[in-house]
Amino acid sequence: MLSFVNINGERVSINPAYRESGKKAGGKKTETHKGWKVVGVPPEAMEQAKKLHKTNGKGLFDAEGWLKRADQKAIGKPRATPDGAAELAELSRKYGWLRVEIIELKKLQQGNP
């Protein structure tokens, strides 16, 4: 067993219950709302994919299949309200963004039992 001394040189004992208190107990997990994020596929991404497909000399380009697998990028910064995110999503669709979605940002936190 280890023994410890404080800055005065006096022996200090560590209670086993105290050591284990540093570990997080399996308390209740709570979700914290962090805002709303708008994501979508940029308008120029499909044109670039079509050009790349054409240069590789493959058959017909499957636009719907490509759009399902395309990586979505964040559009602007996260918004505080769903109305602000909806407005940004509407503007994004108007300017040619594809597969625009609004995602709620949440964070899981460990709570006390």
C-alpha atoms as a PDB file:
ATOM      1  CA  MET A   1       0.000   0.000   0.000  1.00  0.00           C
ATOM      2  CA  LEU A   2       1.212   3.484  -0.819  1.00  0.00           C
ATOM      3  CA  SER A   3       1.630   6.110   1.842  1.00  0.00           C
ATOM      4  CA  PHE A   4       1.682   9.836   1.252  1.00  0.00           C
ATOM      5  CA  VAL A   5       2.971  12.894   3.099  1.00  0.00           C
ATOM      6  CA  ASN A   6       1.727  16.466   2.956  1.00  0.00           C
ATOM      7  CA  ILE A   7       3.911  19.560   2.558  1.00  0.00           C
ATOM      8  CA  ASN A   8       4.722  19.482   6.311  1.00  0.00           C
ATOM      9  CA  GLY A   9       5.999  15.913   6.141  1.00  0.00           C
ATOM     10  CA  GLU A  10       3.064  14.448   8.050  1.00  0.00           C
ATOM     11  CA  ARG A  11       1.641  11.111   6.925  1.00  0.00           C
ATOM     12  CA  VAL A  12      -1.648  11.327   5.066  1.00  0.00           C
ATOM     13  CA  SER A  13      -3.945   8.389   4.540  1.00  0.00           C
ATOM     14  CA  ILE A  14      -6.236   8.182   1.553  1.00  0.00           C
ATOM     15  CA  ASN A  15      -9.676   6.780   2.232  1.00  0.00           C
ATOM     16  CA  PRO A  16     -10.591   4.120  -0.419  1.00  0.00           C
ATOM     17  CA  ALA A  17     -14.063   5.639  -0.765  1.00  0.00           C
ATOM     18  CA  TYR A  18     -12.431   8.990  -1.556  1.00  0.00           C
ATOM     19  CA  ARG A  19     -10.281   7.455  -4.307  1.00  0.00           C
ATOM     20  CA  GLU A  20     -13.284   5.998  -6.032  1.00  0.00           C
ATOM     21  CA  SER A  21     -15.286   9.215  -5.785  1.00  0.00           C
ATOM     22  CA  GLY A  22     -13.215  10.586  -8.657  1.00  0.00           C
ATOM     23  CA  LYS A  23     -14.892   8.103 -10.961  1.00  0.00           C
ATOM     24  CA  LYS A  24     -18.188   9.191 -12.400  1.00  0.00           C
ATOM     25  CA  ALA A  25     -21.148   7.290 -11.109  1.00  0.00           C
ATOM     26  CA  GLY A  26     -23.664   5.931 -13.578  1.00  0.00           C
ATOM     27  CA  GLY A  27     -26.016   8.841 -13.056  1.00  0.00           C
ATOM     28  CA  LYS A  28     -28.743  10.078 -15.297  1.00  0.00           C
ATOM     29  CA  LYS A  29     -27.678  11.453 -18.664  1.00  0.00           C
ATOM     30  CA  THR A  30     -29.235  14.713 -19.715  1.00  0.00           C
ATOM     31  CA  GLU A  31     -29.338  16.387 -23.096  1.00  0.00           C
ATOM     32  CA  THR A  32     -28.448  20.043 -23.457  1.00  0.00           C
ATOM     33  CA  HIS A  33     -29.717  21.967 -26.469  1.00  0.00           C
ATOM     34  CA  LYS A  34     -26.903  23.718 -28.368  1.00  0.00           C
ATOM     35  CA  GLY A  35     -28.755  25.315 -31.311  1.00  0.00           C
ATOM     36  CA  TRP A  36     -29.763  24.485 -34.872  1.00  0.00           C
ATOM     37  CA  LYS A  37     -27.400  23.698 -37.749  1.00  0.00           C
ATOM     38  CA  VAL A  38     -28.227  23.884 -41.462  1.00  0.00           C
ATOM     39  CA  VAL A  39     -26.374  21.468 -43.751  1.00  0.00           C
ATOM     40  CA  GLY A  40     -26.535  20.752 -47.467  1.00  0.00           C
ATOM     41  CA  VAL A  41     -24.668  19.903 -50.637  1.00  0.00           C
ATOM     42  CA  PRO A  42     -23.080  22.937 -52.365  1.00  0.00           C
ATOM     43  CA  PRO A  43     -24.457  23.757 -55.827  1.00  0.00           C
ATOM     44  CA  GLU A  44     -21.103  23.388 -57.584  1.00  0.00           C
ATOM     45  CA  ALA A  45     -20.464  19.932 -56.100  1.00  0.00           C
ATOM     46  CA  MET A  46     -22.777  18.156 -58.563  1.00  0.00           C
ATOM     47  CA  GLU A  47     -21.150  19.868 -61.549  1.00  0.00           C
ATOM     48  CA  GLN A  48     -17.713  18.818 -60.316  1.00  0.00           C
ATOM     49  CA  ALA A  49     -18.926  15.244 -59.842  1.00  0.00           C
ATOM     50  CA  LYS A  50     -20.366  15.187 -63.374  1.00  0.00           C
ATOM     51  CA  LYS A  51     -17.083  16.463 -64.837  1.00  0.00           C
ATOM     52  CA  LEU A  52     -15.086  13.896 -62.874  1.00  0.00           C
ATOM     53  CA  HIS A  53     -17.454  11.135 -64.028  1.00  0.00           C
ATOM     54  CA  LYS A  54     -17.117  12.258 -67.643  1.00  0.00           C
ATOM     55  CA  THR A  55     -13.294  12.394 -67.514  1.00  0.00           C
ATOM     56  CA  ASN A  56     -13.186   8.863 -66.085  1.00  0.00           C
ATOM     57  CA  GLY A  57     -15.144   7.680 -69.154  1.00  0.00           C
ATOM     58  CA  LYS A  58     -17.855   5.865 -67.257  1.00  0.00           C
ATOM     59  CA  GLY A  59     -21.497   5.395 -68.354  1.00  0.00           C
ATOM     60  CA  LEU A  60     -24.424   7.591 -67.454  1.00  0.00           C
ATOM     61  CA  PHE A  61     -24.167   9.777 -64.373  1.00  0.00           C
ATOM     62  CA  ASP A  62     -26.695   8.823 -61.667  1.00  0.00           C
ATOM     63  CA  ALA A  63     -27.521  12.216 -60.150  1.00  0.00           C
ATOM     64  CA  GLU A  64     -29.997  10.868 -57.577  1.00  0.00           C
ATOM     65  CA  GLY A  65     -27.620   8.146 -56.408  1.00  0.00           C
ATOM     66  CA  TRP A  66     -24.755  10.617 -56.152  1.00  0.00           C
ATOM     67  CA  LEU A  67     -26.915  13.085 -54.206  1.00  0.00           C
ATOM     68  CA  LYS A  68     -27.846  10.398 -51.639  1.00  0.00           C
ATOM     69  CA  ARG A  69     -24.165   9.620 -51.009  1.00  0.00           C
ATOM     70  CA  ALA A  70     -22.799  13.179 -51.255  1.00  0.00           C
ATOM     71  CA  ASP A  71     -21.222  14.723 -48.150  1.00  0.00           C
ATOM     72  CA  GLN A  72     -23.185  17.565 -46.642  1.00  0.00           C
ATOM     73  CA  LYS A  73     -21.417  20.702 -45.530  1.00  0.00           C
ATOM     74  CA  ALA A  74     -22.427  23.202 -42.865  1.00  0.00           C
ATOM     75  CA  ILE A  75     -24.099  26.320 -44.226  1.00  0.00           C
ATOM     76  CA  GLY A  76     -23.115  29.260 -42.049  1.00  0.00           C
ATOM     77  CA  LYS A  77     -22.893  29.125 -38.276  1.00  0.00           C
ATOM     78  CA  PRO A  78     -25.384  27.322 -36.019  1.00  0.00           C
ATOM     79  CA  ARG A  79     -28.513  29.326 -35.234  1.00  0.00           C
ATOM     80  CA  ALA A  80     -30.091  29.837 -31.815  1.00  0.00           C
ATOM     81  CA  THR A  81     -33.704  29.443 -32.951  1.00  0.00           C
ATOM     82  CA  PRO A  82     -35.441  27.033 -35.329  1.00  0.00           C
ATOM     83  CA  ASP A  83     -36.964  30.011 -37.152  1.00  0.00           C
ATOM     84  CA  GLY A  84     -33.503  31.391 -37.921  1.00  0.00           C
ATOM     85  CA  ALA A  85     -32.363  27.996 -39.183  1.00  0.00           C
ATOM     86  CA  ALA A  86     -35.502  27.633 -41.334  1.00  0.00           C
ATOM     87  CA  GLU A  87     -34.877  31.050 -42.874  1.00  0.00           C
ATOM     88  CA  LEU A  88     -31.271  30.136 -43.672  1.00  0.00           C
ATOM     89  CA  ALA A  89     -32.404  26.805 -45.160  1.00  0.00           C
ATOM     90  CA  GLU A  90     -34.931  28.583 -47.375  1.00  0.00           C
ATOM     91  CA  LEU A  91     -32.310  31.044 -48.618  1.00  0.00           C
ATOM     92  CA  SER A  92     -29.874  28.199 -49.253  1.00  0.00           C
ATOM     93  CA  ARG A  93     -32.408  26.328 -51.390  1.00  0.00           C
ATOM     94  CA  LYS A  94     -33.121  29.523 -53.294  1.00  0.00           C
ATOM     95  CA  TYR A  95     -29.401  29.888 -54.104  1.00  0.00           C
ATOM     96  CA  GLY A  96     -29.082  26.325 -55.391  1.00  0.00           C
ATOM     97  CA  TRP A  97     -27.964  24.240 -52.413  1.00  0.00           C
ATOM     98  CA  LEU A  98     -29.125  20.634 -52.656  1.00  0.00           C
ATOM     99  CA  ARG A  99     -30.500  18.280 -49.960  1.00  0.00           C
ATOM    100  CA  VAL A 100     -30.725  21.059 -47.366  1.00  0.00           C
ATOM    101  CA  GLU A 101     -31.556  19.834 -43.845  1.00  0.00           C
ATOM    102  CA  ILE A 102     -31.938  21.405 -40.411  1.00  0.00           C
ATOM    103  CA  ILE A 103     -30.262  19.473 -37.575  1.00  0.00           C
ATOM    104  CA  GLU A 104     -30.774  20.095 -33.871  1.00  0.00           C
ATOM    105  CA  LEU A 105     -27.469  20.176 -31.995  1.00  0.00           C
ATOM    106  CA  LYS A 106     -27.490  18.392 -28.634  1.00  0.00           C
ATOM    107  CA  LYS A 107     -24.869  17.498 -26.077  1.00  0.00           C
ATOM    108  CA  LEU A 108     -25.173  14.568 -23.691  1.00  0.00           C
ATOM    109  CA  GLN A 109     -24.035  15.315 -20.152  1.00  0.00           C
ATOM    110  CA  GLN A 110     -23.548  12.948 -17.245  1.00  0.00           C
ATOM    111  CA  GLY A 111     -25.762  14.015 -14.363  1.00  0.00           C
ATOM    112  CA  ASN A 112     -25.621  13.224 -10.652  1.00  0.00           C
ATOM    113  CA  PRO A 113     -27.585  10.210  -9.415  1.00  0.00           C
END
